[in-house]
């Protein structure tokens, strides 16, 4: 069995530990068809401003055929 030098093992262990601590992204439904009087939601978009604000918008359709 060959042994690795400690300077190679420690960074590898640190990287593994840090990746385990990283939080998984949280997903949230922003637009839902059939709610708030809209049969469907079309053309969703998300923008991030220079100030870091997130803007989400979409087109609400009253009829599915629209």
N, C-alpha and C. Protein backbone atom coordinates (compact mmCIF):
# COMPACT_ATOMS: atom_id res chain seq x y z
N UNK A 1 0.85 -1.18 0.00
CA UNK A 1 0.00 0.00 0.00
C UNK A 1 0.89 1.24 0.00
N UNK A 2 0.66 2.11 -0.94
CA UNK A 2 1.46 3.33 -0.99
C UNK A 2 0.79 4.40 -0.15
N UNK A 3 1.58 5.22 0.47
CA UNK A 3 1.02 6.31 1.28
C UNK A 3 1.20 7.62 0.54
N UNK A 4 0.22 8.46 0.65
CA UNK A 4 0.27 9.78 0.02
C UNK A 4 0.86 10.76 1.02
N UNK A 5 1.57 11.74 0.51
CA UNK A 5 2.06 12.79 1.40
C UNK A 5 0.89 13.57 1.99
N UNK A 6 1.01 14.03 3.21
CA UNK A 6 -0.06 14.74 3.91
C UNK A 6 -0.50 16.00 3.16
N UNK A 7 0.40 16.66 2.46
CA UNK A 7 0.03 17.89 1.76
C UNK A 7 -0.93 17.62 0.61
N UNK A 8 -1.08 16.36 0.18
CA UNK A 8 -2.06 16.03 -0.85
C UNK A 8 -3.39 15.57 -0.23
N UNK A 9 -3.34 14.95 0.91
CA UNK A 9 -4.54 14.42 1.54
C UNK A 9 -5.36 15.53 2.19
N UNK A 10 -4.73 16.43 2.90
CA UNK A 10 -5.44 17.47 3.64
C UNK A 10 -6.29 18.36 2.72
N UNK A 11 -5.76 18.88 1.61
CA UNK A 11 -6.61 19.69 0.74
C UNK A 11 -7.80 18.90 0.19
N UNK A 12 -7.58 17.63 -0.10
CA UNK A 12 -8.66 16.80 -0.61
C UNK A 12 -9.76 16.62 0.44
N UNK A 13 -9.38 16.38 1.67
CA UNK A 13 -10.35 16.24 2.75
C UNK A 13 -11.09 17.55 3.00
N UNK A 14 -10.38 18.65 2.94
CA UNK A 14 -10.98 19.96 3.15
C UNK A 14 -12.00 20.26 2.06
N UNK A 15 -11.65 19.97 0.82
CA UNK A 15 -12.58 20.21 -0.29
C UNK A 15 -13.83 19.35 -0.14
N UNK A 16 -13.67 18.12 0.28
CA UNK A 16 -14.82 17.24 0.49
C UNK A 16 -15.71 17.76 1.61
N UNK A 17 -15.10 18.21 2.70
CA UNK A 17 -15.87 18.73 3.83
C UNK A 17 -16.62 20.00 3.44
N UNK A 18 -15.99 20.89 2.70
CA UNK A 18 -16.64 22.14 2.29
C UNK A 18 -17.79 21.88 1.34
N UNK A 19 -17.64 20.93 0.43
CA UNK A 19 -18.73 20.64 -0.50
C UNK A 19 -19.92 20.03 0.24
N UNK A 20 -19.66 19.29 1.30
CA UNK A 20 -20.75 18.72 2.09
C UNK A 20 -21.52 19.80 2.85
N UNK A 21 -20.84 20.89 3.20
CA UNK A 21 -21.47 21.98 3.94
C UNK A 21 -22.29 22.92 3.05
N UNK A 22 -22.00 22.91 1.75
CA UNK A 22 -22.71 23.80 0.83
C UNK A 22 -24.19 23.42 0.81
N UNK A 23 -25.04 24.41 0.95
CA UNK A 23 -26.48 24.17 0.98
C UNK A 23 -26.99 23.88 -0.42
N UNK A 24 -27.92 22.96 -0.50
CA UNK A 24 -28.57 22.67 -1.78
C UNK A 24 -29.50 23.84 -2.12
N UNK A 25 -29.66 24.14 -3.40
CA UNK A 25 -30.54 25.26 -3.75
C UNK A 25 -31.98 24.96 -3.35
N UNK A 26 -32.70 25.99 -2.98
CA UNK A 26 -34.11 25.86 -2.60
C UNK A 26 -34.95 26.37 -3.76
N UNK A 27 -35.88 25.56 -4.22
CA UNK A 27 -36.72 25.93 -5.33
C UNK A 27 -38.11 26.31 -4.82
N UNK A 28 -38.67 27.38 -5.40
CA UNK A 28 -39.98 27.87 -5.01
C UNK A 28 -40.79 28.11 -6.27
N UNK A 29 -42.02 27.61 -6.28
CA UNK A 29 -42.91 27.88 -7.41
C UNK A 29 -43.40 29.31 -7.34
N UNK A 30 -43.07 30.10 -8.34
CA UNK A 30 -43.45 31.51 -8.34
C UNK A 30 -44.77 31.72 -9.07
N UNK A 31 -44.94 31.04 -10.18
CA UNK A 31 -46.15 31.19 -10.99
C UNK A 31 -46.83 29.84 -11.11
N UNK A 32 -48.15 29.80 -10.89
CA UNK A 32 -48.90 28.56 -11.00
C UNK A 32 -50.11 28.76 -11.90
N UNK A 33 -50.21 27.96 -12.95
CA UNK A 33 -51.38 28.03 -13.84
C UNK A 33 -52.62 27.66 -13.06
N UNK A 34 -53.73 28.29 -13.42
CA UNK A 34 -55.00 27.99 -12.79
C UNK A 34 -55.22 28.70 -11.47
N UNK A 35 -54.36 29.63 -11.12
CA UNK A 35 -54.54 30.39 -9.88
C UNK A 35 -54.72 31.87 -10.19
N UNK A 36 -55.32 32.56 -9.28
CA UNK A 36 -55.52 34.01 -9.38
C UNK A 36 -56.20 34.46 -10.67
N UNK A 37 -57.10 33.61 -11.19
CA UNK A 37 -57.89 33.98 -12.35
C UNK A 37 -57.22 33.74 -13.70
N UNK A 38 -56.04 33.16 -13.71
CA UNK A 38 -55.33 32.91 -14.97
C UNK A 38 -55.30 31.42 -15.27
N UNK A 39 -55.75 31.07 -16.49
CA UNK A 39 -55.77 29.66 -16.89
C UNK A 39 -54.36 29.14 -17.14
N UNK A 40 -53.50 29.99 -17.65
CA UNK A 40 -52.12 29.57 -17.92
C UNK A 40 -51.16 30.74 -17.75
N UNK A 41 -49.94 30.40 -17.54
CA UNK A 41 -48.86 31.38 -17.41
C UNK A 41 -47.89 31.13 -18.56
N UNK A 42 -47.55 32.19 -19.27
CA UNK A 42 -46.67 32.04 -20.43
C UNK A 42 -45.48 32.98 -20.33
N UNK A 43 -44.42 32.63 -20.99
CA UNK A 43 -43.23 33.44 -21.17
C UNK A 43 -42.67 33.97 -19.84
N UNK A 44 -42.35 33.09 -18.90
CA UNK A 44 -41.76 33.57 -17.65
C UNK A 44 -40.34 34.09 -17.88
N UNK A 45 -39.94 35.04 -17.08
CA UNK A 45 -38.59 35.61 -17.19
C UNK A 45 -38.09 36.00 -15.80
N UNK A 46 -36.78 35.95 -15.64
CA UNK A 46 -36.14 36.37 -14.39
C UNK A 46 -34.97 37.25 -14.76
N UNK A 47 -34.87 38.39 -14.10
CA UNK A 47 -33.77 39.33 -14.31
C UNK A 47 -33.12 39.65 -12.97
N UNK A 48 -31.83 39.90 -13.00
CA UNK A 48 -31.12 40.36 -11.82
C UNK A 48 -30.57 41.74 -12.14
N UNK A 49 -30.93 42.73 -11.32
CA UNK A 49 -30.48 44.10 -11.56
C UNK A 49 -29.02 44.27 -11.10
N UNK A 50 -28.44 45.40 -11.46
CA UNK A 50 -27.07 45.70 -11.02
C UNK A 50 -26.97 45.78 -9.51
N UNK A 51 -28.07 46.15 -8.86
CA UNK A 51 -28.10 46.25 -7.40
C UNK A 51 -28.29 44.89 -6.73
N UNK A 52 -28.55 43.85 -7.55
CA UNK A 52 -28.71 42.51 -7.00
C UNK A 52 -30.15 42.10 -6.74
N UNK A 53 -31.09 42.97 -7.08
CA UNK A 53 -32.51 42.61 -6.92
C UNK A 53 -32.91 41.62 -8.00
N UNK A 54 -33.78 40.68 -7.65
CA UNK A 54 -34.26 39.69 -8.61
C UNK A 54 -35.70 40.05 -8.97
N UNK A 55 -35.95 40.18 -10.28
CA UNK A 55 -37.28 40.48 -10.78
C UNK A 55 -37.78 39.28 -11.56
N UNK A 56 -38.94 38.75 -11.19
CA UNK A 56 -39.55 37.63 -11.90
C UNK A 56 -40.91 38.08 -12.41
N UNK A 57 -41.19 37.81 -13.67
CA UNK A 57 -42.48 38.17 -14.22
C UNK A 57 -42.87 37.20 -15.31
N UNK A 58 -44.17 37.18 -15.62
CA UNK A 58 -44.71 36.31 -16.65
C UNK A 58 -46.01 36.89 -17.16
N UNK A 59 -46.48 36.32 -18.23
CA UNK A 59 -47.72 36.77 -18.85
C UNK A 59 -48.84 35.83 -18.40
N UNK A 60 -49.88 36.37 -17.77
CA UNK A 60 -51.02 35.56 -17.37
C UNK A 60 -52.06 35.52 -18.46
N UNK A 61 -52.50 34.32 -18.85
CA UNK A 61 -53.49 34.17 -19.91
C UNK A 61 -54.82 33.75 -19.29
N UNK A 62 -55.91 34.45 -19.67
CA UNK A 62 -57.23 34.14 -19.12
C UNK A 62 -57.79 32.83 -19.65
N UNK A 63 -57.50 32.51 -20.92
CA UNK A 63 -57.96 31.26 -21.54
C UNK A 63 -56.74 30.46 -21.98
N UNK A 64 -56.80 29.13 -21.90
CA UNK A 64 -55.65 28.32 -22.34
C UNK A 64 -55.29 28.53 -23.81
N UNK A 65 -56.29 28.94 -24.64
CA UNK A 65 -56.06 29.13 -26.07
C UNK A 65 -55.35 30.46 -26.36
N UNK A 66 -55.33 31.38 -25.45
CA UNK A 66 -54.74 32.71 -25.67
C UNK A 66 -53.26 32.61 -25.97
